[in-house]
Amino acid sequence: AGKFGYVQGQESCGASLSEAADICQSLGVYNGVHLDGGGSAQLLVNNRRKLKISDRDPDDYLEIERAVPAGLYIK
């Protein structure tokens, strides 16, 4: 298991800026906003989470949610 408990080839730690741009382009996104992509970053599509939470419990690698002071909602 990797630093955050991810197993290479089975899970993802996220997308790079270039990968995120490719994903957006494949989805037909015309305008996009790229934020910092830090540990509190999340992406929901049709109310389903599309990213793994990067914060992990060091003992069992389960996801640990953190408080997020602001959000961006696009409908």
PDB file of N, CA and C in Angstrom:
ATOM      1  N   ALA A   1       0.849  -1.185   0.000  1.00  0.00           N
ATOM      2  CA  ALA A   1       0.000   0.000   0.000  1.00  0.00           C
ATOM      3  C   ALA A   1       0.883   1.233   0.000  1.00  0.00           C
ATOM      4  N   GLY A   2       0.409   2.270  -0.651  1.00  0.00           N
ATOM      5  CA  GLY A   2       1.149   3.509  -0.733  1.00  0.00           C
ATOM      6  C   GLY A   2       1.000   4.348   0.528  1.00  0.00           C
ATOM      7  N   LYS A   3       1.478   5.561   0.449  1.00  0.00           N
ATOM      8  CA  LYS A   3       1.485   6.479   1.592  1.00  0.00           C
ATOM      9  C   LYS A   3       0.104   6.638   2.220  1.00  0.00           C
ATOM     10  N   PHE A   4      -0.941   6.686   1.412  1.00  0.00           N
ATOM     11  CA  PHE A   4      -2.285   6.896   1.914  1.00  0.00           C
ATOM     12  C   PHE A   4      -3.112   5.611   1.885  1.00  0.00           C
ATOM     13  N   GLY A   5      -2.469   4.471   1.734  1.00  0.00           N
ATOM     14  CA  GLY A   5      -3.189   3.207   1.722  1.00  0.00           C
ATOM     15  C   GLY A   5      -3.707   2.809   0.363  1.00  0.00           C
ATOM     16  N   TYR A   6      -3.399   3.591  -0.669  1.00  0.00           N
ATOM     17  CA  TYR A   6      -3.849   3.256  -2.005  1.00  0.00           C
ATOM     18  C   TYR A   6      -2.979   2.145  -2.580  1.00  0.00           C
ATOM     19  N   VAL A   7      -3.574   1.295  -3.349  1.00  0.00           N
ATOM     20  CA  VAL A   7      -2.842   0.238  -4.028  1.00  0.00           C
ATOM     21  C   VAL A   7      -2.744   0.626  -5.497  1.00  0.00           C
ATOM     22  N   GLN A   8      -1.524   0.771  -5.996  1.00  0.00           N
ATOM     23  CA  GLN A   8      -1.314   1.200  -7.369  1.00  0.00           C
ATOM     24  C   GLN A   8      -2.046   0.271  -8.325  1.00  0.00           C
ATOM     25  N   GLY A   9      -2.749   0.871  -9.280  1.00  0.00           N
ATOM     26  CA  GLY A   9      -3.501   0.105 -10.260  1.00  0.00           C
ATOM     27  C   GLY A   9      -4.910  -0.236  -9.815  1.00  0.00           C
ATOM     28  N   GLN A  10      -5.207  -0.046  -8.521  1.00  0.00           N
ATOM     29  CA  GLN A  10      -6.546  -0.357  -8.024  1.00  0.00           C
ATOM     30  C   GLN A  10      -7.310   0.899  -7.618  1.00  0.00           C
ATOM     31  N   GLU A  11      -6.608   1.921  -7.170  1.00  0.00           N
ATOM     32  CA  GLU A  11      -7.232   3.161  -6.742  1.00  0.00           C
ATOM     33  C   GLU A  11      -6.389   4.322  -7.236  1.00  0.00           C
ATOM     34  N   SER A  12      -6.959   5.506  -7.158  1.00  0.00           N
ATOM     35  CA  SER A  12      -6.271   6.693  -7.635  1.00  0.00           C
ATOM     36  C   SER A  12      -6.116   7.714  -6.518  1.00  0.00           C
ATOM     37  N   CYS A  13      -4.993   8.408  -6.520  1.00  0.00           N
ATOM     38  CA  CYS A  13      -4.780   9.507  -5.575  1.00  0.00           C
ATOM     39  C   CYS A  13      -5.252  10.826  -6.163  1.00  0.00           C
ATOM     40  N   GLY A  14      -5.817  10.813  -7.352  1.00  0.00           N
ATOM     41  CA  GLY A  14      -6.319  12.043  -7.961  1.00  0.00           C
ATOM     42  C   GLY A  14      -5.767  12.240  -9.355  1.00  0.00           C
ATOM     43  N   ALA A  15      -6.126  13.353  -9.935  1.00  0.00           N
ATOM     44  CA  ALA A  15      -5.716  13.667 -11.305  1.00  0.00           C
ATOM     45  C   ALA A  15      -4.790  14.875 -11.295  1.00  0.00           C
ATOM     46  N   SER A  16      -3.819  14.839 -12.177  1.00  0.00           N
ATOM     47  CA  SER A  16      -2.967  16.014 -12.368  1.00  0.00           C
ATOM     48  C   SER A  16      -3.784  17.069 -13.110  1.00  0.00           C
ATOM     49  N   LEU A  17      -3.253  18.281 -13.218  1.00  0.00           N
ATOM     50  CA  LEU A  17      -3.946  19.337 -13.958  1.00  0.00           C
ATOM     51  C   LEU A  17      -4.190  18.903 -15.401  1.00  0.00           C
ATOM     52  N   SER A  18      -3.192  18.306 -16.019  1.00  0.00           N
ATOM     53  CA  SER A  18      -3.327  17.841 -17.404  1.00  0.00           C
ATOM     54  C   SER A  18      -4.382  16.738 -17.520  1.00  0.00           C
ATOM     55  N   GLU A  19      -4.374  15.801 -16.575  1.00  0.00           N
ATOM     56  CA  GLU A  19      -5.367  14.727 -16.585  1.00  0.00           C
ATOM     57  C   GLU A  19      -6.771  15.283 -16.361  1.00  0.00           C
ATOM     58  N   ALA A  20      -6.898  16.253 -15.451  1.00  0.00           N
ATOM     59  CA  ALA A  20      -8.203  16.872 -15.194  1.00  0.00           C
ATOM     60  C   ALA A  20      -8.712  17.577 -16.450  1.00  0.00           C
ATOM     61  N   ALA A  21      -7.821  18.252 -17.165  1.00  0.00           N
ATOM     62  CA  ALA A  21      -8.209  18.917 -18.416  1.00  0.00           C
ATOM     63  C   ALA A  21      -8.677  17.895 -19.446  1.00  0.00           C
ATOM     64  N   ASP A  22      -7.980  16.776 -19.548  1.00  0.00           N
ATOM     65  CA  ASP A  22      -8.382  15.715 -20.481  1.00  0.00           C
ATOM     66  C   ASP A  22      -9.759  15.156 -20.124  1.00  0.00           C
ATOM     67  N   ILE A  23     -10.008  14.951 -18.831  1.00  0.00           N
ATOM     68  CA  ILE A  23     -11.304  14.443 -18.377  1.00  0.00           C
ATOM     69  C   ILE A  23     -12.397  15.436 -18.736  1.00  0.00           C
ATOM     70  N   CYS A  24     -12.161  16.709 -18.450  1.00  0.00           N
ATOM     71  CA  CYS A  24     -13.157  17.742 -18.759  1.00  0.00           C
ATOM     72  C   CYS A  24     -13.432  17.788 -20.268  1.00  0.00           C
ATOM     73  N   GLN A  25     -12.384  17.732 -21.061  1.00  0.00           N
ATOM     74  CA  GLN A  25     -12.551  17.767 -22.509  1.00  0.00           C
ATOM     75  C   GLN A  25     -13.363  16.562 -22.989  1.00  0.00           C
ATOM     76  N   SER A  26     -13.093  15.386 -22.445  1.00  0.00           N
ATOM     77  CA  SER A  26     -13.825  14.183 -22.861  1.00  0.00           C
ATOM     78  C   SER A  26     -15.299  14.245 -22.468  1.00  0.00           C
ATOM     79  N   LEU A  27     -15.605  15.033 -21.416  1.00  0.00           N
ATOM     80  CA  LEU A  27     -16.986  15.209 -20.972  1.00  0.00           C
ATOM     81  C   LEU A  27     -17.690  16.356 -21.690  1.00  0.00           C
ATOM     82  N   GLY A  28     -16.961  17.046 -22.559  1.00  0.00           N
ATOM     83  CA  GLY A  28     -17.556  18.155 -23.293  1.00  0.00           C
ATOM     84  C   GLY A  28     -17.647  19.446 -22.500  1.00  0.00           C
ATOM     85  N   VAL A  29     -16.837  19.566 -21.454  1.00  0.00           N
ATOM     86  CA  VAL A  29     -16.849  20.774 -20.635  1.00  0.00           C
ATOM     87  C   VAL A  29     -16.294  21.934 -21.459  1.00  0.00           C
ATOM     88  N   TYR A  30     -17.046  23.046 -21.477  1.00  0.00           N
ATOM     89  CA  TYR A  30     -16.623  24.223 -22.229  1.00  0.00           C
ATOM     90  C   TYR A  30     -15.851  25.191 -21.338  1.00  0.00           C
ATOM     91  N   ASN A  31     -16.346  25.429 -20.137  1.00  0.00           N
ATOM     92  CA  ASN A  31     -15.684  26.286 -19.150  1.00  0.00           C
ATOM     93  C   ASN A  31     -15.445  25.478 -17.891  1.00  0.00           C
ATOM     94  N   GLY A  32     -14.296  25.672 -17.282  1.00  0.00           N
ATOM     95  CA  GLY A  32     -13.987  24.943 -16.054  1.00  0.00           C
ATOM     96  C   GLY A  32     -13.214  25.811 -15.087  1.00  0.00           C
ATOM     97  N   VAL A  33     -13.218  25.406 -13.840  1.00  0.00           N
ATOM     98  CA  VAL A  33     -12.460  26.095 -12.795  1.00  0.00           C
ATOM     99  C   VAL A  33     -11.578  25.051 -12.127  1.00  0.00           C
ATOM    100  N   HIS A  34     -10.287  25.313 -12.069  1.00  0.00           N
ATOM    101  CA  HIS A  34      -9.382  24.389 -11.406  1.00  0.00           C
ATOM    102  C   HIS A  34      -8.913  25.047 -10.116  1.00  0.00           C
ATOM    103  N   LEU A  35      -9.277  24.443  -8.998  1.00  0.00           N
ATOM    104  CA  LEU A  35      -8.859  24.977  -7.705  1.00  0.00           C
ATOM    105  C   LEU A  35      -7.583  24.280  -7.276  1.00  0.00           C
ATOM    106  N   ASP A  36      -7.179  24.407  -6.037  1.00  0.00           N
ATOM    107  CA  ASP A  36      -5.866  23.904  -5.627  1.00  0.00           C
ATOM    108  C   ASP A  36      -5.742  22.386  -5.630  1.00  0.00           C
ATOM    109  N   GLY A  37      -6.856  21.653  -5.544  1.00  0.00           N
ATOM    110  CA  GLY A  37      -6.782  20.195  -5.567  1.00  0.00           C
ATOM    111  C   GLY A  37      -6.180  19.591  -4.309  1.00  0.00           C
ATOM    112  N   GLY A  38      -6.184  20.337  -3.217  1.00  0.00           N
ATOM    113  CA  GLY A  38      -5.627  19.834  -1.965  1.00  0.00           C
ATOM    114  C   GLY A  38      -6.486  18.744  -1.349  1.00  0.00           C
ATOM    115  N   GLY A  39      -6.143  18.357  -0.150  1.00  0.00           N
ATOM    116  CA  GLY A  39      -6.801  17.241   0.515  1.00  0.00           C
ATOM    117  C   GLY A  39      -8.277  17.427   0.773  1.00  0.00           C
ATOM    118  N   SER A  40      -8.752  18.671   0.794  1.00  0.00           N
ATOM    119  CA  SER A  40     -10.182  18.897   1.020  1.00  0.00           C
ATOM    120  C   SER A  40     -10.955  18.999  -0.285  1.00  0.00           C
ATOM    121  N   ALA A  41     -10.278  18.918  -1.417  1.00  0.00           N
ATOM    122  CA  ALA A  41     -10.948  19.030  -2.707  1.00  0.00           C
ATOM    123  C   ALA A  41     -11.829  17.810  -2.958  1.00  0.00           C
ATOM    124  N   GLN A  42     -13.013  18.063  -3.465  1.00  0.00           N
ATOM    125  CA  GLN A  42     -13.931  16.992  -3.823  1.00  0.00           C
ATOM    126  C   GLN A  42     -14.647  17.356  -5.107  1.00  0.00           C
ATOM    127  N   LEU A  43     -15.174  16.348  -5.782  1.00  0.00           N
ATOM    128  CA  LEU A  43     -15.937  16.528  -7.001  1.00  0.00           C
ATOM    129  C   LEU A  43     -17.151  15.626  -6.910  1.00  0.00           C
ATOM    130  N   LEU A  44     -18.320  16.222  -7.013  1.00  0.00           N
ATOM    131  CA  LEU A  44     -19.558  15.456  -7.018  1.00  0.00           C
ATOM    132  C   LEU A  44     -20.229  15.633  -8.365  1.00  0.00           C
ATOM    133  N   VAL A  45     -20.668  14.543  -8.965  1.00  0.00           N
ATOM    134  CA  VAL A  45     -21.414  14.563 -10.215  1.00  0.00           C
ATOM    135  C   VAL A  45     -22.698  13.795  -9.968  1.00  0.00           C
ATOM    136  N   ASN A  46     -23.830  14.471 -10.191  1.00  0.00           N
ATOM    137  CA  ASN A  46     -25.138  13.868  -9.901  1.00  0.00           C
ATOM    138  C   ASN A  46     -25.195  13.348  -8.468  1.00  0.00           C
ATOM    139  N   ASN A  47     -24.688  14.159  -7.536  1.00  0.00           N
ATOM    140  CA  ASN A  47     -24.685  13.855  -6.101  1.00  0.00           C
ATOM    141  C   ASN A  47     -23.871  12.627  -5.721  1.00  0.00           C
ATOM    142  N   ARG A  48     -22.937  12.227  -6.558  1.00  0.00           N
ATOM    143  CA  ARG A  48     -22.056  11.095  -6.234  1.00  0.00           C
ATOM    144  C   ARG A  48     -20.618  11.582  -6.213  1.00  0.00           C
ATOM    145  N   ARG A  49     -19.909  11.259  -5.140  1.00  0.00           N
ATOM    146  CA  ARG A  49     -18.515  11.657  -4.991  1.00  0.00           C
ATOM    147  C   ARG A  49     -17.657  10.927  -6.012  1.00  0.00           C
ATOM    148  N   LYS A  50     -16.793  11.680  -6.693  1.00  0.00           N
ATOM    149  CA  LYS A  50     -15.950  11.116  -7.740  1.00  0.00           C
ATOM    150  C   LYS A  50     -14.477  11.058  -7.365  1.00  0.00           C
ATOM    151  N   LEU A  51     -14.111  11.616  -6.227  1.00  0.00           N
ATOM    152  CA  LEU A  51     -12.719  11.580  -5.787  1.00  0.00           C
ATOM    153  C   LEU A  51     -12.613  10.888  -4.444  1.00  0.00           C
ATOM    154  N   LYS A  52     -11.520  10.243  -4.223  1.00  0.00           N
ATOM    155  CA  LYS A  52     -11.241   9.664  -2.912  1.00  0.00           C
ATOM    156  C   LYS A  52     -10.751  10.777  -1.993  1.00  0.00           C
ATOM    157  N   ILE A  53     -11.077  10.698  -0.729  1.00  0.00           N
ATOM    158  CA  ILE A  53     -10.566  11.649   0.242  1.00  0.00           C
ATOM    159  C   ILE A  53      -9.117  11.278   0.532  1.00  0.00           C
ATOM    160  N   SER A  54      -8.226  12.268   0.456  1.00  0.00           N
ATOM    161  CA  SER A  54      -6.797  11.945   0.612  1.00  0.00           C
ATOM    162  C   SER A  54      -6.381  11.765   2.063  1.00  0.00           C
ATOM    163  N   ASP A  55      -7.127  12.379   2.986  1.00  0.00           N
ATOM    164  CA  ASP A  55      -6.756  12.228   4.397  1.00  0.00           C
ATOM    165  C   ASP A  55      -7.117  10.823   4.865  1.00  0.00           C
ATOM    166  N   ARG A  56      -6.161  10.145   5.478  1.00  0.00           N
ATOM    167  CA  ARG A  56      -6.349   8.758   5.898  1.00  0.00           C
ATOM    168  C   ARG A  56      -5.913   8.566   7.341  1.00  0.00           C
ATOM    169  N   ASP A  57      -6.603   7.675   8.023  1.00  0.00           N
ATOM    170  CA  ASP A  57      -6.193   7.257   9.361  1.00  0.00           C
ATOM    171  C   ASP A  57      -4.913   6.448   9.201  1.00  0.00           C
ATOM    172  N   PRO A  58      -3.846   6.793   9.905  1.00  0.00           N
ATOM    173  CA  PRO A  58      -2.573   6.085   9.720  1.00  0.00           C
ATOM    174  C   PRO A  58      -2.614   4.620  10.167  1.00  0.00           C
ATOM    175  N   ASP A  59      -3.587   4.259  10.982  1.00  0.00           N
ATOM    176  CA  ASP A  59      -3.658   2.877  11.467  1.00  0.00           C
ATOM    177  C   ASP A  59      -4.373   1.944  10.505  1.00  0.00           C
ATOM    178  N   ASP A  60      -5.494   2.409   9.927  1.00  0.00           N
ATOM    179  CA  ASP A  60      -6.275   1.502   9.075  1.00  0.00           C
ATOM    180  C   ASP A  60      -6.511   2.044   7.665  1.00  0.00           C
ATOM    181  N   TYR A  61      -5.968   3.220   7.356  1.00  0.00           N
ATOM    182  CA  TYR A  61      -6.072   3.861   6.041  1.00  0.00           C
ATOM    183  C   TYR A  61      -7.502   4.211   5.631  1.00  0.00           C
ATOM    184  N   LEU A  62      -8.452   4.206   6.567  1.00  0.00           N
ATOM    185  CA  LEU A  62      -9.807   4.619   6.243  1.00  0.00           C
ATOM    186  C   LEU A  62      -9.841   6.133   6.035  1.00  0.00           C
ATOM    187  N   GLU A  63     -10.760   6.590   5.184  1.00  0.00           N
ATOM    188  CA  GLU A  63     -10.875   8.011   4.897  1.00  0.00           C
ATOM    189  C   GLU A  63     -11.259   8.797   6.150  1.00  0.00           C
ATOM    190  N   ILE A  64     -10.666   9.971   6.294  1.00  0.00           N
ATOM    191  CA  ILE A  64     -10.996  10.882   7.381  1.00  0.00           C
ATOM    192  C   ILE A  64     -11.431  12.198   6.739  1.00  0.00           C
ATOM    193  N   GLU A  65     -12.692  12.559   6.925  1.00  0.00           N
ATOM    194  CA  GLU A  65     -13.167  13.814   6.368  1.00  0.00           C
ATOM    195  C   GLU A  65     -12.674  14.976   7.210  1.00  0.00           C
ATOM    196  N   ARG A  66     -12.485  16.118   6.581  1.00  0.00           N
ATOM    197  CA  ARG A  66     -12.064  17.321   7.289  1.00  0.00           C
ATOM    198  C   ARG A  66     -13.075  18.431   7.038  1.00  0.00           C
ATOM    199  N   ALA A  67     -13.115  19.372   7.958  1.00  0.00           N
ATOM    200  CA  ALA A  67     -14.010  20.513   7.795  1.00  0.00           C
ATOM    201  C   ALA A  67     -13.546  21.349   6.605  1.00  0.00           C
ATOM    202  N   VAL A  68     -14.493  21.800   5.814  1.00  0.00           N
ATOM    203  CA  VAL A  68     -14.184  22.624   4.650  1.00  0.00           C
ATOM    204  C   VAL A  68     -14.928  23.947   4.811  1.00  0.00           C
ATOM    205  N   PRO A  69     -14.203  25.075   4.852  1.00  0.00           N
ATOM    206  CA  PRO A  69     -14.845  26.357   5.139  1.00  0.00           C
ATOM    207  C   PRO A  69     -15.614  26.972   3.976  1.00  0.00           C
ATOM    208  N   ALA A  70     -15.397  26.490   2.759  1.00  0.00           N
ATOM    209  CA  ALA A  70     -16.071  27.091   1.600  1.00  0.00           C
ATOM    210  C   ALA A  70     -16.256  26.049   0.518  1.00  0.00           C
ATOM    211  N   GLY A  71     -17.200  26.298  -0.348  1.00  0.00           N
ATOM    212  CA  GLY A  71     -17.442  25.372  -1.445  1.00  0.00           C
ATOM    213  C   GLY A  71     -17.921  26.133  -2.680  1.00  0.00           C
ATOM    214  N   LEU A  72     -17.855  25.484  -3.813  1.00  0.00           N
ATOM    215  CA  LEU A  72     -18.320  26.036  -5.076  1.00  0.00           C
ATOM    216  C   LEU A  72     -19.333  25.065  -5.640  1.00  0.00           C
ATOM    217  N   TYR A  73     -20.557  25.533  -5.835  1.00  0.00           N
ATOM    218  CA  TYR A  73     -21.648  24.687  -6.320  1.00  0.00           C
ATOM    219  C   TYR A  73     -22.072  25.217  -7.682  1.00  0.00           C
ATOM    220  N   ILE A  74     -22.089  24.363  -8.676  1.00  0.00           N
ATOM    221  CA  ILE A  74     -22.507  24.758 -10.018  1.00  0.00           C
ATOM    222  C   ILE A  74     -23.648  23.853 -10.435  1.00  0.00           C
ATOM    223  N   LYS A  75     -24.737  24.482 -10.840  1.00  0.00           N
ATOM    224  CA  LYS A  75     -25.901  23.698 -11.254  1.00  0.00           C
ATOM    225  C   LYS A  75     -26.166  23.913 -12.716  1.00  0.00           C
TER     226      LYS A  75
END
